[in-house]
Protein backbone atom coordinates (compact mmCIF):
# COMPACT_ATOMS: atom_id res chain seq x y z
CA MET A 1 -41.30 -61.07 149.24
CA LYS A 2 -39.12 -58.05 148.80
CA ILE A 3 -40.30 -55.69 146.06
CA ASN A 4 -37.60 -54.36 143.72
CA TRP A 5 -38.70 -50.76 143.32
CA ASN A 6 -35.89 -50.02 140.84
CA TYR A 7 -37.42 -52.44 138.30
CA ILE A 8 -40.85 -50.93 138.81
CA LYS A 9 -39.48 -47.39 138.32
CA MET A 10 -37.67 -48.43 135.13
CA PHE A 11 -40.83 -50.11 133.81
CA LEU A 12 -42.96 -47.05 134.52
CA LEU A 13 -40.35 -44.79 132.94
CA LEU A 14 -40.31 -46.98 129.83
CA VAL A 15 -44.11 -46.87 129.60
CA LEU A 16 -43.99 -43.08 129.93
CA VAL A 17 -41.37 -42.71 127.19
CA VAL A 18 -43.27 -45.00 124.81
CA GLY A 19 -46.48 -43.13 125.52
CA LEU A 20 -44.91 -39.73 124.89
CA PHE A 21 -43.32 -41.00 121.68
CA ALA A 22 -46.63 -42.39 120.41
CA PHE A 23 -48.44 -39.15 121.31
CA SER A 24 -45.75 -37.04 119.66
CA SER A 25 -45.73 -39.22 116.55
CA LYS A 26 -49.51 -39.08 116.21
CA LYS A 27 -49.53 -35.33 116.70
CA ASN A 28 -46.67 -34.90 114.20
CA ASN A 29 -48.37 -37.05 111.55
CA GLY A 30 -51.58 -35.11 112.01
CA ARG A 31 -49.80 -31.78 111.61
CA ILE A 32 -51.21 -29.63 108.78
CA VAL A 33 -48.53 -28.99 106.14
CA SER A 34 -48.20 -25.52 104.65
CA ALA A 35 -47.38 -24.68 101.02
CA ALA A 36 -44.10 -26.02 99.66
CA THR A 37 -40.90 -23.98 99.88
CA ILE A 38 -38.55 -24.70 96.97
CA ASN A 39 -34.84 -23.97 97.30
CA PHE A 40 -32.41 -24.19 94.39
CA ASN A 41 -28.92 -24.91 95.67
CA GLY A 42 -26.01 -22.88 94.32
CA GLU A 43 -27.70 -21.56 91.17
CA GLU A 44 -28.78 -18.10 90.07
CA ASN A 45 -29.89 -19.04 86.55
CA LEU A 46 -32.79 -21.47 86.58
CA PHE A 47 -33.41 -23.96 83.79
CA ILE A 48 -36.59 -25.06 85.60
CA THR A 49 -38.72 -22.56 87.48
CA HIS A 50 -40.10 -22.61 91.02
CA GLU A 51 -43.57 -22.74 89.48
CA ALA A 52 -42.70 -25.83 87.41
CA VAL A 53 -41.35 -27.68 90.46
CA SER A 54 -44.39 -26.68 92.54
CA LYS A 55 -46.74 -27.87 89.78
CA LEU A 56 -44.91 -31.21 89.60
CA LEU A 57 -45.28 -31.69 93.36
CA ILE A 58 -48.99 -30.91 93.20
CA GLN A 59 -49.55 -33.27 90.25
CA LYS A 60 -47.89 -36.17 92.04
CA GLN A 61 -49.46 -35.59 95.44
CA GLY A 62 -52.81 -34.13 94.45
CA GLY A 63 -52.15 -31.09 96.60
CA THR A 64 -49.47 -30.33 99.21
CA GLN A 65 -51.00 -27.37 101.06
CA ASN A 66 -53.18 -27.60 104.18
CA VAL A 67 -53.14 -31.40 104.26
CA PRO A 68 -52.06 -33.72 107.11
CA LYS A 69 -48.41 -34.72 107.05
CA GLU A 70 -49.31 -38.43 107.21
CA THR A 71 -51.07 -38.18 103.82
CA ILE A 72 -47.95 -36.89 102.01
CA ASP A 73 -45.71 -39.47 100.34
CA LEU A 74 -42.30 -37.78 100.55
CA ASN A 75 -40.57 -40.60 98.67
CA LEU A 76 -43.02 -40.22 95.77
CA LEU A 77 -42.44 -36.48 95.57
CA GLU A 78 -38.67 -36.89 95.76
CA SER A 79 -38.67 -39.54 93.03
CA ALA A 80 -40.79 -37.34 90.78
CA LEU A 81 -38.31 -34.47 91.07
CA ASN A 82 -35.27 -36.69 90.56
CA PHE A 83 -36.88 -38.11 87.41
CA ASN A 84 -37.07 -34.64 85.86
CA PRO A 85 -34.35 -34.28 83.15
CA MET A 86 -33.41 -30.79 84.38
CA ILE A 87 -32.77 -31.90 87.96
CA LYS A 88 -29.59 -33.62 89.16
CA SER A 89 -30.83 -34.38 92.68
CA ALA A 90 -33.65 -33.41 95.01
CA GLN A 91 -34.62 -33.93 98.64
CA VAL A 92 -38.15 -33.40 99.99
CA PHE A 93 -39.00 -33.24 103.70
CA VAL A 94 -41.29 -31.60 106.25
CA ASP A 95 -39.57 -29.49 108.90
CA VAL A 96 -40.56 -29.23 112.58
CA ASN A 97 -42.86 -26.30 111.83
CA GLY A 98 -44.88 -28.23 109.25
CA HIS A 99 -43.31 -26.60 106.20
CA LEU A 100 -42.81 -28.80 103.13
CA ILE A 101 -39.27 -28.18 101.84
CA ALA A 102 -37.87 -29.21 98.46
CA GLU A 103 -34.10 -28.84 98.08
CA VAL A 104 -33.24 -28.97 94.36
CA GLU A 105 -29.89 -29.14 92.54
CA GLN A 106 -30.05 -28.54 88.80
CA LYS A 107 -27.96 -30.28 86.19
CA LYS A 108 -25.11 -28.12 84.88
CA PRO A 109 -24.60 -28.02 81.09
CA ILE A 110 -21.06 -27.78 79.71
CA ALA A 111 -21.87 -27.94 75.98
CA ARG A 112 -24.85 -27.57 73.64
CA VAL A 113 -25.37 -29.97 70.76
CA ASP A 114 -26.89 -28.46 67.61
CA SER A 115 -28.13 -31.29 65.40
CA SER A 116 -31.45 -32.72 64.24
CA VAL A 117 -32.30 -32.87 67.95
CA SER A 118 -30.70 -30.13 70.04
CA PHE A 119 -29.78 -30.71 73.68
CA TYR A 120 -27.21 -29.94 76.35
CA ILE A 121 -24.45 -32.23 77.61
CA ASP A 122 -24.27 -31.97 81.39
CA GLU A 123 -21.22 -32.15 83.66
CA ASP A 124 -21.69 -35.91 84.12
CA GLY A 125 -21.74 -36.66 80.39
CA PHE A 126 -25.49 -37.15 79.99
CA HIS A 127 -27.88 -35.25 77.75
CA MET A 128 -30.40 -32.77 79.15
CA PRO A 129 -33.09 -30.86 77.24
CA LEU A 130 -32.88 -27.21 76.32
CA SER A 131 -34.76 -24.79 78.55
CA THR A 132 -37.21 -22.10 77.53
CA ASN A 133 -36.37 -20.33 80.78
CA TYR A 134 -32.61 -19.84 80.38
CA THR A 135 -29.93 -20.43 77.73
CA ALA A 136 -26.47 -21.42 78.98
CA ARG A 137 -23.39 -19.83 77.44
CA VAL A 138 -21.43 -22.97 76.60
CA PRO A 139 -19.57 -24.21 73.50
CA LEU A 140 -21.75 -25.30 70.58
CA VAL A 141 -21.25 -28.89 69.39
CA THR A 142 -21.82 -29.68 65.70
CA GLY A 143 -21.12 -32.52 63.29
CA ASP A 144 -21.69 -36.25 63.69
CA VAL A 145 -23.08 -36.39 67.24
CA ALA A 146 -25.58 -38.85 68.74
CA LYS A 147 -27.13 -38.92 72.22
CA THR A 148 -25.95 -42.49 72.64
CA ASP A 149 -22.29 -41.69 71.89
CA LEU A 150 -21.11 -38.53 73.62
CA GLU A 151 -17.76 -39.76 74.96
CA GLN A 152 -15.44 -37.76 72.69
CA VAL A 153 -17.30 -34.44 72.75
CA TYR A 154 -17.86 -34.80 76.49
CA LYS A 155 -14.15 -35.29 77.12
CA MET A 156 -13.36 -32.24 74.99
CA ALA A 157 -16.07 -30.17 76.70
CA VAL A 158 -14.72 -31.04 80.16
CA LYS A 159 -11.23 -29.97 79.08
CA ILE A 160 -12.61 -26.66 77.82
CA LYS A 161 -14.60 -26.06 81.01
CA ASN A 162 -11.57 -26.66 83.25
CA ASP A 163 -9.01 -24.72 81.20
CA ALA A 164 -8.99 -20.92 81.50
CA PHE A 165 -7.62 -20.32 77.98
CA LEU A 166 -10.02 -22.72 76.28
CA SER A 167 -13.09 -21.58 78.23
CA LYS A 168 -12.35 -18.01 77.18
CA HIS A 169 -11.68 -18.69 73.49
CA VAL A 170 -13.45 -21.86 72.29
CA THR A 171 -16.92 -21.30 70.83
CA ASN A 172 -17.46 -24.50 68.85
CA ILE A 173 -16.61 -28.23 69.04
CA HIS A 174 -17.02 -30.15 65.78
CA GLN A 175 -16.97 -33.93 65.67
CA HIS A 176 -16.16 -35.49 62.31
CA GLU A 177 -17.49 -38.87 61.12
CA ASP A 178 -14.29 -40.61 62.28
CA LYS A 179 -14.80 -39.10 65.79
CA SER A 180 -11.88 -36.71 65.40
CA ILE A 181 -12.37 -33.23 66.86
CA SER A 182 -11.98 -29.70 65.54
CA LEU A 183 -12.41 -26.43 67.45
CA ARG A 184 -13.32 -22.89 66.54
CA LEU A 185 -11.95 -19.96 68.53
CA ARG A 186 -13.60 -16.65 69.26
CA GLN A 187 -12.70 -13.95 66.70
CA CYS A 188 -10.49 -16.37 64.74
CA SER A 189 -11.31 -17.59 61.23
CA PHE A 190 -9.11 -20.69 61.29
CA GLU A 191 -10.08 -24.24 62.25
CA VAL A 192 -8.12 -25.92 65.04
CA TYR A 193 -7.85 -29.60 64.15
CA VAL A 194 -7.24 -31.60 67.33
CA GLY A 195 -7.73 -35.05 65.76
CA ASN A 196 -8.17 -37.82 68.32
CA LEU A 197 -7.90 -36.91 71.99
CA THR A 198 -4.73 -38.81 72.85
CA GLN A 199 -2.09 -36.56 74.45
CA LEU A 200 -4.74 -33.85 74.67
CA ASP A 201 -2.90 -31.81 77.31
CA LYS A 202 0.19 -31.66 75.11
CA LYS A 203 -1.84 -30.62 72.08
CA ILE A 204 -3.55 -27.83 74.01
CA ASN A 205 -0.21 -26.56 75.32
CA ASN A 206 1.06 -26.44 71.74
CA LEU A 207 -2.06 -24.47 70.75
CA LYS A 208 -1.51 -21.98 73.56
CA ALA A 209 2.12 -21.42 72.55
CA PHE A 210 1.10 -20.91 68.90
CA TYR A 211 -1.74 -18.55 69.80
CA LYS A 212 0.43 -16.43 72.08
CA LYS A 213 3.12 -16.05 69.42
CA ALA A 214 0.70 -15.42 66.53
CA PHE A 215 -1.33 -12.94 68.56
CA LYS A 216 1.80 -11.00 69.51
CA GLU A 217 2.91 -10.90 65.87
CA LYS A 218 -0.64 -10.08 64.68
CA ILE A 219 -0.74 -12.97 62.20
CA LEU A 220 -3.73 -14.94 63.50
CA ASP A 221 -5.73 -13.95 60.41
CA ASN A 222 -3.08 -15.42 58.11
CA TYR A 223 -4.19 -19.01 58.65
CA SER A 224 -7.19 -21.14 57.65
CA LYS A 225 -6.26 -24.26 59.63
CA VAL A 226 -4.11 -25.07 62.66
CA ASN A 227 -3.31 -28.78 62.95
CA LEU A 228 -2.37 -30.16 66.38
CA GLN A 229 -2.28 -33.88 65.60
CA PHE A 230 1.45 -34.06 64.95
CA ASP A 231 3.81 -34.63 67.86
CA SER A 232 5.66 -31.61 69.26
CA GLN A 233 4.63 -29.24 66.49
CA VAL A 234 1.78 -27.13 65.15
CA VAL A 235 1.22 -27.34 61.40
CA CYS A 236 -0.53 -24.27 59.98
CA THR A 237 -2.21 -23.78 56.61
CA LYS A 238 -2.19 -20.24 55.28
CA SER A 239 -5.37 -18.59 54.06
């Protein structure tokens, strides 16, 4: 019977590959993991510290330094970080050198609610707690505001964040009981009544035109209220 040496060579090669893979996997799982390295992506100001993240990892794992890789539950650590109200997303992995790496992206606040319970509104419209580590310079939100109903103030806060004029001048967003919105501008004593947020772009353009004209004529201090809710006009109340 003629022996097919090609089949035998392929079989031996397959056995070798499987053996090397098993050896490598066993060696990798038995690798001793060093202390965690925590990287915050794209942020200079930290609402949650490196120490707080490291402590959270240790609490969940029972220690992450000088332990075999196979004993570390990466999914558990990742879930623990993602559950933290300061963190938007996190990834935890062990690199080829046995270093435990945690890549962390913080939530980004765009407004701060000052009510019976104070908190931030983040860029996705959810609430996040205040931080003892850093205070964000964002518009203050007052009035009738609840954690479960942030739609109006969130929409206004996003508009302020993305508009150069508003982000420079607006210091306060006030929500009335009927959900209408008023603004306060830096170094101005008057209230800007926006009303509901329909045709918001048009209302803000009207405000910019008024502000530019009143600033040039040095009459900004002459008014106590600037009303934007009427179509194609700004109605001002004198002080």
